[in-house]
Amino acid sequence: MSTPPKILAFDVFGTVVDWHGSIVAEMTRLYPQVDGDAFARAWRDGYQPAMARVRSGELGWTRIDELHRLILDGIAADFGLQHLPEHERRQLNRVWHRLNPWPDVVEGLTRLKRRHVLTSLSNGNIGLLTNMARHGGLPWDCVLSAEVFRAYKPDPRVYLGVAEVFDVAPCDVMMVAAHQDDLAAARACGLQTAYVERRLEFGAAHPKDVSPDPANTLHARDFIDLADQLEQEPRPSAA
């Protein structure tokens, strides 16, 4: 690592929070007749195609809350939920505001916060991310979202926007994510990158390949391991 990062910017869905396990638990509680694993993955599978409609201009700027609802309405019949009344659909859609953090996250973020400025950098909208932080006790210094930049990752405006917000060089920002494509896009913008293993992001039946990519600045098992590695580096100068 050439210089320690001043700002740590975190992907959220899958990296900070366990979306799959949280949605499965919600479905088990509310709709036990539904295959929660299949439902969670189907809902998430619609995420990239929905954002692609915004990127292409087919849809104007649309927040993730609204995109999640479009996806939910599209898959409801496949899982026997087509007759859900509106108030239940709204409540179910807000499960994304109630996702639980991985077990290492709060301790890891608390340690990382001692030496670095912590911000979310998610495609999730600001209200969603704020509610999620309150739900999970996430100690962000700042909540940044694609909504701020009116562009979805991997648009360079999102990654470079972090540096602009904090008035630092892109190399002073480290993108932390469990997704190699997110990190590759961040590196292309000059950010440092840290990959965090989330082998069970898609559930125990669908383990991910978490092999290291040497292009990343760091590779960590979890946030506690990331804190261990960054604590071995000199303190970053004041941002």
C-alpha atoms as a PDB file:
ATOM      1  CA  MET A   1       0.000   0.000   0.000  1.00  0.00           C
ATOM      2  CA  SER A   2       1.575   3.293  -1.089  1.00  0.00           C
ATOM      3  CA  THR A   3      -0.251   5.583   1.332  1.00  0.00           C
ATOM      4  CA  PRO A   4      -2.932   4.688   3.870  1.00  0.00           C
ATOM      5  CA  PRO A   5      -6.420   5.715   2.760  1.00  0.00           C
ATOM      6  CA  LYS A   6      -8.105   8.640   4.478  1.00  0.00           C
ATOM      7  CA  ILE A   7     -11.639   7.638   3.480  1.00  0.00           C
ATOM      8  CA  LEU A   8     -13.109   4.148   3.507  1.00  0.00           C
ATOM      9  CA  ALA A   9     -16.154   3.886   1.230  1.00  0.00           C
ATOM     10  CA  PHE A  10     -18.259   0.756   1.650  1.00  0.00           C
ATOM     11  CA  ASP A  11     -20.514  -1.106  -0.673  1.00  0.00           C
ATOM     12  CA  VAL A  12     -23.468  -2.141   1.470  1.00  0.00           C
ATOM     13  CA  PHE A  13     -25.694  -4.910   0.031  1.00  0.00           C
ATOM     14  CA  GLY A  14     -23.778  -8.137   0.594  1.00  0.00           C
ATOM     15  CA  THR A  15     -20.669  -6.431   1.927  1.00  0.00           C
ATOM     16  CA  VAL A  16     -22.038  -4.803   5.088  1.00  0.00           C
ATOM     17  CA  VAL A  17     -25.427  -6.482   5.392  1.00  0.00           C
ATOM     18  CA  ASP A  18     -26.684 -10.011   4.810  1.00  0.00           C
ATOM     19  CA  TRP A  19     -29.516  -9.314   2.385  1.00  0.00           C
ATOM     20  CA  HIS A  20     -30.155 -12.988   1.629  1.00  0.00           C
ATOM     21  CA  GLY A  21     -30.386 -14.182   5.220  1.00  0.00           C
ATOM     22  CA  SER A  22     -32.444 -11.170   6.261  1.00  0.00           C
ATOM     23  CA  ILE A  23     -35.005 -11.637   3.496  1.00  0.00           C
ATOM     24  CA  VAL A  24     -35.223 -15.387   4.098  1.00  0.00           C
ATOM     25  CA  ALA A  25     -35.909 -14.728   7.789  1.00  0.00           C
ATOM     26  CA  GLU A  26     -38.607 -12.181   6.910  1.00  0.00           C
ATOM     27  CA  MET A  27     -40.290 -14.567   4.490  1.00  0.00           C
ATOM     28  CA  THR A  28     -40.153 -17.427   6.995  1.00  0.00           C
ATOM     29  CA  ARG A  29     -41.901 -15.216   9.535  1.00  0.00           C
ATOM     30  CA  LEU A  30     -44.528 -13.654   7.273  1.00  0.00           C
ATOM     31  CA  TYR A  31     -45.024 -16.065   4.363  1.00  0.00           C
ATOM     32  CA  PRO A  32     -43.739 -19.488   5.433  1.00  0.00           C
ATOM     33  CA  GLN A  33     -45.344 -21.130   2.402  1.00  0.00           C
ATOM     34  CA  VAL A  34     -42.836 -19.338   0.143  1.00  0.00           C
ATOM     35  CA  ASP A  35     -39.362 -20.705  -0.630  1.00  0.00           C
ATOM     36  CA  GLY A  36     -37.466 -17.856   1.018  1.00  0.00           C
ATOM     37  CA  ASP A  37     -34.128 -18.754  -0.559  1.00  0.00           C
ATOM     38  CA  ALA A  38     -35.524 -18.734  -4.088  1.00  0.00           C
ATOM     39  CA  PHE A  39     -37.564 -15.599  -3.405  1.00  0.00           C
ATOM     40  CA  ALA A  40     -34.574 -13.648  -2.029  1.00  0.00           C
ATOM     41  CA  ARG A  41     -32.395 -14.582  -4.979  1.00  0.00           C
ATOM     42  CA  ALA A  42     -35.106 -13.798  -7.518  1.00  0.00           C
ATOM     43  CA  TRP A  43     -35.616 -10.358  -5.986  1.00  0.00           C
ATOM     44  CA  ARG A  44     -31.886  -9.670  -6.048  1.00  0.00           C
ATOM     45  CA  ASP A  45     -31.569 -11.031  -9.602  1.00  0.00           C
ATOM     46  CA  GLY A  46     -33.762  -8.161 -10.777  1.00  0.00           C
ATOM     47  CA  TYR A  47     -31.423  -5.547  -9.281  1.00  0.00           C
ATOM     48  CA  GLN A  48     -28.922  -5.121 -12.119  1.00  0.00           C
ATOM     49  CA  PRO A  49     -31.518  -5.270 -14.940  1.00  0.00           C
ATOM     50  CA  ALA A  50     -33.593  -2.629 -13.151  1.00  0.00           C
ATOM     51  CA  MET A  51     -30.623  -0.290 -12.780  1.00  0.00           C
ATOM     52  CA  ALA A  52     -29.718  -0.922 -16.424  1.00  0.00           C
ATOM     53  CA  ARG A  53     -33.096   0.560 -17.383  1.00  0.00           C
ATOM     54  CA  VAL A  54     -32.110   3.760 -15.575  1.00  0.00           C
ATOM     55  CA  ARG A  55     -28.596   3.823 -17.050  1.00  0.00           C
ATOM     56  CA  SER A  56     -29.969   3.377 -20.573  1.00  0.00           C
ATOM     57  CA  GLY A  57     -32.475   6.197 -20.158  1.00  0.00           C
ATOM     58  CA  GLU A  58     -35.484   3.892 -20.475  1.00  0.00           C
ATOM     59  CA  LEU A  59     -36.390   5.068 -16.977  1.00  0.00           C
ATOM     60  CA  GLY A  60     -35.590   8.485 -15.596  1.00  0.00           C
ATOM     61  CA  TRP A  61     -33.697   8.696 -12.327  1.00  0.00           C
ATOM     62  CA  THR A  62     -35.417   6.153 -10.054  1.00  0.00           C
ATOM     63  CA  ARG A  63     -34.451   5.379  -6.463  1.00  0.00           C
ATOM     64  CA  ILE A  64     -33.640   1.824  -5.432  1.00  0.00           C
ATOM     65  CA  ASP A  65     -36.752   1.742  -3.231  1.00  0.00           C
ATOM     66  CA  GLU A  66     -38.875   2.193  -6.348  1.00  0.00           C
ATOM     67  CA  LEU A  67     -36.777  -0.271  -8.368  1.00  0.00           C
ATOM     68  CA  HIS A  68     -37.103  -2.862  -5.597  1.00  0.00           C
ATOM     69  CA  ARG A  69     -40.866  -2.381  -5.736  1.00  0.00           C
ATOM     70  CA  LEU A  70     -40.940  -2.852  -9.513  1.00  0.00           C
ATOM     71  CA  ILE A  71     -39.006  -6.098  -9.114  1.00  0.00           C
ATOM     72  CA  LEU A  72     -41.249  -7.272  -6.271  1.00  0.00           C
ATOM     73  CA  ASP A  73     -44.376  -6.639  -8.312  1.00  0.00           C
ATOM     74  CA  GLY A  74     -42.814  -8.540 -11.200  1.00  0.00           C
ATOM     75  CA  ILE A  75     -41.982 -11.687  -9.208  1.00  0.00           C
ATOM     76  CA  ALA A  76     -44.915 -11.786  -6.770  1.00  0.00           C
ATOM     77  CA  ALA A  77     -47.054 -14.094  -8.912  1.00  0.00           C
ATOM     78  CA  ASP A  78     -44.174 -16.555  -9.329  1.00  0.00           C
ATOM     79  CA  PHE A  79     -44.295 -17.149  -5.571  1.00  0.00           C
ATOM     80  CA  GLY A  80     -48.061 -17.081  -5.060  1.00  0.00           C
ATOM     81  CA  LEU A  81     -48.015 -13.544  -3.656  1.00  0.00           C
ATOM     82  CA  GLN A  82     -49.948 -11.801  -6.421  1.00  0.00           C
ATOM     83  CA  HIS A  83     -52.885 -11.141  -4.083  1.00  0.00           C
ATOM     84  CA  LEU A  84     -50.861  -9.287  -1.433  1.00  0.00           C
ATOM     85  CA  PRO A  85     -52.665  -6.046  -0.564  1.00  0.00           C
ATOM     86  CA  GLU A  86     -50.881  -2.764  -1.101  1.00  0.00           C
ATOM     87  CA  HIS A  87     -49.992  -2.169   2.552  1.00  0.00           C
ATOM     88  CA  GLU A  88     -48.335  -5.609   2.770  1.00  0.00           C
ATOM     89  CA  ARG A  89     -46.375  -4.995  -0.421  1.00  0.00           C
ATOM     90  CA  ARG A  90     -45.125  -1.672   0.931  1.00  0.00           C
ATOM     91  CA  GLN A  91     -44.106  -3.279   4.207  1.00  0.00           C
ATOM     92  CA  LEU A  92     -42.359  -6.173   2.473  1.00  0.00           C
ATOM     93  CA  ASN A  93     -40.531  -3.816   0.137  1.00  0.00           C
ATOM     94  CA  ARG A  94     -39.088  -2.039   3.165  1.00  0.00           C
ATOM     95  CA  VAL A  95     -37.332  -5.218   4.282  1.00  0.00           C
ATOM     96  CA  TRP A  96     -34.356  -3.714   2.457  1.00  0.00           C
ATOM     97  CA  HIS A  97     -34.338  -1.000   5.151  1.00  0.00           C
ATOM     98  CA  ARG A  98     -34.137  -3.684   7.858  1.00  0.00           C
ATOM     99  CA  LEU A  99     -31.293  -5.862   6.600  1.00  0.00           C
ATOM    100  CA  ASN A 100     -29.034  -7.179   9.348  1.00  0.00           C
ATOM    101  CA  PRO A 101     -25.275  -6.625   9.332  1.00  0.00           C
ATOM    102  CA  TRP A 102     -22.868  -9.543   9.169  1.00  0.00           C
ATOM    103  CA  PRO A 103     -21.642 -10.514  12.673  1.00  0.00           C
ATOM    104  CA  ASP A 104     -18.208  -8.867  12.266  1.00  0.00           C
ATOM    105  CA  VAL A 105     -19.453  -5.567  10.894  1.00  0.00           C
ATOM    106  CA  VAL A 106     -20.210  -3.328  13.879  1.00  0.00           C
ATOM    107  CA  GLU A 107     -17.021  -4.285  15.720  1.00  0.00           C
ATOM    108  CA  GLY A 108     -14.966  -3.923  12.556  1.00  0.00           C
ATOM    109  CA  LEU A 109     -16.441  -0.549  11.594  1.00  0.00           C
ATOM    110  CA  THR A 110     -15.980   0.744  15.143  1.00  0.00           C
ATOM    111  CA  ARG A 111     -12.279  -0.100  14.983  1.00  0.00           C
ATOM    112  CA  LEU A 112     -11.854   1.281  11.466  1.00  0.00           C
ATOM    113  CA  LYS A 113     -13.562   4.527  12.502  1.00  0.00           C
ATOM    114  CA  ARG A 114     -10.717   5.325  14.904  1.00  0.00           C
ATOM    115  CA  ARG A 115      -8.325   5.987  12.038  1.00  0.00           C
ATOM    116  CA  HIS A 116     -10.469   6.568   8.959  1.00  0.00           C
ATOM    117  CA  VAL A 117     -13.562   8.446   7.823  1.00  0.00           C
ATOM    118  CA  LEU A 118     -16.269   5.875   7.070  1.00  0.00           C
ATOM    119  CA  THR A 119     -18.966   6.363   4.469  1.00  0.00           C
ATOM    120  CA  SER A 120     -21.414   4.132   2.718  1.00  0.00           C
ATOM    121  CA  LEU A 121     -21.170   4.147  -1.070  1.00  0.00           C
ATOM    122  CA  SER A 122     -24.177   2.154  -2.152  1.00  0.00           C
ATOM    123  CA  ASN A 123     -26.724   2.157  -4.920  1.00  0.00           C
ATOM    124  CA  GLY A 124     -29.305   2.147  -2.138  1.00  0.00           C
ATOM    125  CA  ASN A 125     -31.068   5.464  -1.597  1.00  0.00           C
ATOM    126  CA  ILE A 126     -30.328   7.769   1.334  1.00  0.00           C
ATOM    127  CA  GLY A 127     -33.477   7.041   3.315  1.00  0.00           C
ATOM    128  CA  LEU A 128     -32.962   3.292   2.946  1.00  0.00           C
ATOM    129  CA  LEU A 129     -29.313   3.491   4.039  1.00  0.00           C
ATOM    130  CA  THR A 130     -30.128   5.737   6.993  1.00  0.00           C
ATOM    131  CA  ASN A 131     -32.868   3.428   8.247  1.00  0.00           C
ATOM    132  CA  MET A 132     -30.570   0.439   7.756  1.00  0.00           C
ATOM    133  CA  ALA A 133     -27.823   2.142   9.767  1.00  0.00           C
ATOM    134  CA  ARG A 134     -30.205   2.834  12.630  1.00  0.00           C
ATOM    135  CA  HIS A 135     -31.541  -0.719  12.501  1.00  0.00           C
ATOM    136  CA  GLY A 136     -28.099  -2.329  12.531  1.00  0.00           C
ATOM    137  CA  GLY A 137     -26.115   0.167  14.597  1.00  0.00           C
ATOM    138  CA  LEU A 138     -23.779   1.029  11.720  1.00  0.00           C
ATOM    139  CA  PRO A 139     -21.431   3.829  12.848  1.00  0.00           C
ATOM    140  CA  TRP A 140     -21.059   5.732   9.565  1.00  0.00           C
ATOM    141  CA  ASP A 141     -19.503   9.185   9.569  1.00  0.00           C
ATOM    142  CA  CYS A 142     -21.426   9.933   6.378  1.00  0.00           C
ATOM    143  CA  VAL A 143     -24.147   8.284   4.299  1.00  0.00           C
ATOM    144  CA  LEU A 144     -23.328   8.600   0.604  1.00  0.00           C
ATOM    145  CA  SER A 145     -25.515   7.023  -2.004  1.00  0.00           C
ATOM    146  CA  ALA A 146     -25.806   6.860  -5.755  1.00  0.00           C
ATOM    147  CA  GLU A 147     -28.790   9.125  -5.152  1.00  0.00           C
ATOM    148  CA  VAL A 148     -26.369  11.971  -4.302  1.00  0.00           C
ATOM    149  CA  PHE A 149     -24.683  11.666  -7.700  1.00  0.00           C
ATOM    150  CA  ARG A 150     -27.805  10.687  -9.693  1.00  0.00           C
ATOM    151  CA  ALA A 151     -25.890   7.758 -11.146  1.00  0.00           C
ATOM    152  CA  TYR A 152     -25.592   4.087 -10.285  1.00  0.00           C
ATOM    153  CA  LYS A 153     -22.332   2.234  -9.817  1.00  0.00           C
ATOM    154  CA  PRO A 154     -20.230   1.470 -11.800  1.00  0.00           C
ATOM    155  CA  ASP A 155     -20.617   5.002 -13.192  1.00  0.00           C
ATOM    156  CA  PRO A 156     -17.331   6.853 -12.470  1.00  0.00           C
ATOM    157  CA  ARG A 157     -19.323   9.796 -11.080  1.00  0.00           C
ATOM    158  CA  VAL A 158     -20.118   7.711  -7.999  1.00  0.00           C
ATOM    159  CA  TYR A 159     -16.522   6.756  -7.156  1.00  0.00           C
ATOM    160  CA  LEU A 160     -14.997  10.116  -8.037  1.00  0.00           C
ATOM    161  CA  GLY A 161     -17.834  11.815  -6.193  1.00  0.00           C
ATOM    162  CA  VAL A 162     -16.540  10.478  -2.881  1.00  0.00           C
ATOM    163  CA  ALA A 163     -13.198  12.191  -3.413  1.00  0.00           C
ATOM    164  CA  GLU A 164     -14.986  15.388  -4.393  1.00  0.00           C
ATOM    165  CA  VAL A 165     -17.237  15.327  -1.326  1.00  0.00           C
ATOM    166  CA  PHE A 166     -14.271  15.015   1.023  1.00  0.00           C
ATOM    167  CA  ASP A 167     -11.886  17.160  -1.083  1.00  0.00           C
ATOM    168  CA  VAL A 168      -9.230  14.467  -1.345  1.00  0.00           C
ATOM    169  CA  ALA A 169      -7.479  12.743  -4.229  1.00  0.00           C
ATOM    170  CA  PRO A 170      -9.098   9.536  -5.518  1.00  0.00           C
ATOM    171  CA  CYS A 171      -6.087   7.562  -4.244  1.00  0.00           C
ATOM    172  CA  ASP A 172      -6.937   8.713  -0.708  1.00  0.00           C
ATOM    173  CA  VAL A 173     -10.204   6.758  -0.914  1.00  0.00           C
ATOM    174  CA  MET A 174     -10.422   2.985  -0.460  1.00  0.00           C
ATOM    175  CA  MET A 175     -13.475   1.211  -1.833  1.00  0.00           C
ATOM    176  CA  VAL A 176     -14.426  -1.775   0.334  1.00  0.00           C
ATOM    177  CA  ALA A 177     -16.663  -4.378  -1.280  1.00  0.00           C
ATOM    178  CA  ALA A 178     -17.453  -8.063  -1.600  1.00  0.00           C
ATOM    179  CA  HIS A 179     -17.857  -7.732  -5.383  1.00  0.00           C
ATOM    180  CA  GLN A 180     -14.878  -7.712  -7.729  1.00  0.00           C
ATOM    181  CA  ASP A 181     -16.690  -5.781 -10.472  1.00  0.00           C
ATOM    182  CA  ASP A 182     -17.402  -2.924  -8.048  1.00  0.00           C
ATOM    183  CA  LEU A 183     -13.742  -2.839  -7.044  1.00  0.00           C
ATOM    184  CA  ALA A 184     -12.504  -2.972 -10.647  1.00  0.00           C
ATOM    185  CA  ALA A 185     -14.633   0.076 -11.480  1.00  0.00           C
ATOM    186  CA  ALA A 186     -13.290   1.898  -8.417  1.00  0.00           C
ATOM    187  CA  ARG A 187      -9.676   1.090  -9.356  1.00  0.00           C
ATOM    188  CA  ALA A 188     -10.282   2.458 -12.844  1.00  0.00           C
ATOM    189  CA  CYS A 189     -11.105   5.773 -11.137  1.00  0.00           C
ATOM    190  CA  GLY A 190      -7.875   5.725  -9.119  1.00  0.00           C
ATOM    191  CA  LEU A 191      -9.277   4.476  -5.799  1.00  0.00           C
ATOM    192  CA  GLN A 192      -7.565   1.919  -3.591  1.00  0.00           C
ATOM    193  CA  THR A 193      -9.593  -1.266  -3.176  1.00  0.00           C
ATOM    194  CA  ALA A 194     -10.206  -3.858  -0.463  1.00  0.00           C
ATOM    195  CA  TYR A 195     -12.031  -7.100  -1.155  1.00  0.00           C
ATOM    196  CA  VAL A 196     -13.945  -8.640   1.758  1.00  0.00           C
ATOM    197  CA  GLU A 197     -14.948 -12.289   1.609  1.00  0.00           C
ATOM    198  CA  ARG A 198     -18.685 -12.912   1.907  1.00  0.00           C
ATOM    199  CA  ARG A 199     -18.757 -16.523   0.820  1.00  0.00           C
ATOM    200  CA  LEU A 200     -22.373 -17.006   1.916  1.00  0.00           C
ATOM    201  CA  GLU A 201     -23.813 -13.812   0.432  1.00  0.00           C
ATOM    202  CA  PHE A 202     -26.294 -15.869  -1.623  1.00  0.00           C
ATOM    203  CA  GLY A 203     -26.962 -18.389   1.148  1.00  0.00           C
ATOM    204  CA  ALA A 204     -25.301 -21.567   2.368  1.00  0.00           C
ATOM    205  CA  ALA A 205     -26.548 -23.514  -0.651  1.00  0.00           C
ATOM    206  CA  HIS A 206     -24.876 -21.091  -3.079  1.00  0.00           C
ATOM    207  CA  PRO A 207     -21.333 -20.307  -1.846  1.00  0.00           C
ATOM    208  CA  LYS A 208     -19.367 -17.683  -3.754  1.00  0.00           C
ATOM    209  CA  ASP A 209     -15.845 -17.901  -5.124  1.00  0.00           C
ATOM    210  CA  VAL A 210     -13.882 -15.521  -2.894  1.00  0.00           C
ATOM    211  CA  SER A 211     -10.469 -16.040  -4.474  1.00  0.00           C
ATOM    212  CA  PRO A 212      -8.078 -13.099  -4.131  1.00  0.00           C
ATOM    213  CA  ASP A 213      -7.507 -10.733  -7.034  1.00  0.00           C
ATOM    214  CA  PRO A 214      -3.950  -9.364  -6.895  1.00  0.00           C
ATOM    215  CA  ALA A 215      -5.162  -6.114  -8.442  1.00  0.00           C
ATOM    216  CA  ASN A 216      -6.808  -5.187  -5.132  1.00  0.00           C
ATOM    217  CA  THR A 217      -4.875  -3.241  -2.534  1.00  0.00           C
ATOM    218  CA  LEU A 218      -6.065  -5.534   0.274  1.00  0.00           C
ATOM    219  CA  HIS A 219      -7.929  -8.828   0.654  1.00  0.00           C
ATOM    220  CA  ALA A 220      -9.675  -9.461   3.976  1.00  0.00           C
ATOM    221  CA  ARG A 221     -11.679 -12.315   5.491  1.00  0.00           C
ATOM    222  CA  ASP A 222     -14.035  -9.847   7.165  1.00  0.00           C
ATOM    223  CA  PHE A 223     -14.097  -6.327   8.619  1.00  0.00           C
ATOM    224  CA  ILE A 224     -12.112  -7.335  11.701  1.00  0.00           C
ATOM    225  CA  ASP A 225      -9.359  -8.717   9.477  1.00  0.00           C
ATOM    226  CA  LEU A 226      -9.503  -5.508   7.439  1.00  0.00           C
ATOM    227  CA  ALA A 227      -9.078  -3.467  10.626  1.00  0.00           C
ATOM    228  CA  ASP A 228      -6.135  -5.651  11.645  1.00  0.00           C
ATOM    229  CA  GLN A 229      -4.436  -5.018   8.310  1.00  0.00           C
ATOM    230  CA  LEU A 230      -5.067  -1.276   8.236  1.00  0.00           C
ATOM    231  CA  GLU A 231      -3.937  -0.844  11.843  1.00  0.00           C
ATOM    232  CA  GLN A 232      -0.527  -2.119  10.753  1.00  0.00           C
ATOM    233  CA  GLU A 233      -0.208   0.827   8.358  1.00  0.00           C
ATOM    234  CA  PRO A 234       0.879   4.347   9.409  1.00  0.00           C
ATOM    235  CA  ARG A 235      -1.987   6.620  10.315  1.00  0.00           C
ATOM    236  CA  PRO A 236      -3.296   8.566   7.331  1.00  0.00           C
ATOM    237  CA  SER A 237      -2.674  12.288   7.422  1.00  0.00           C
ATOM    238  CA  ALA A 238      -5.684  14.468   8.240  1.00  0.00           C
ATOM    239  CA  ALA A 239      -8.211  14.628   5.440  1.00  0.00           C
END
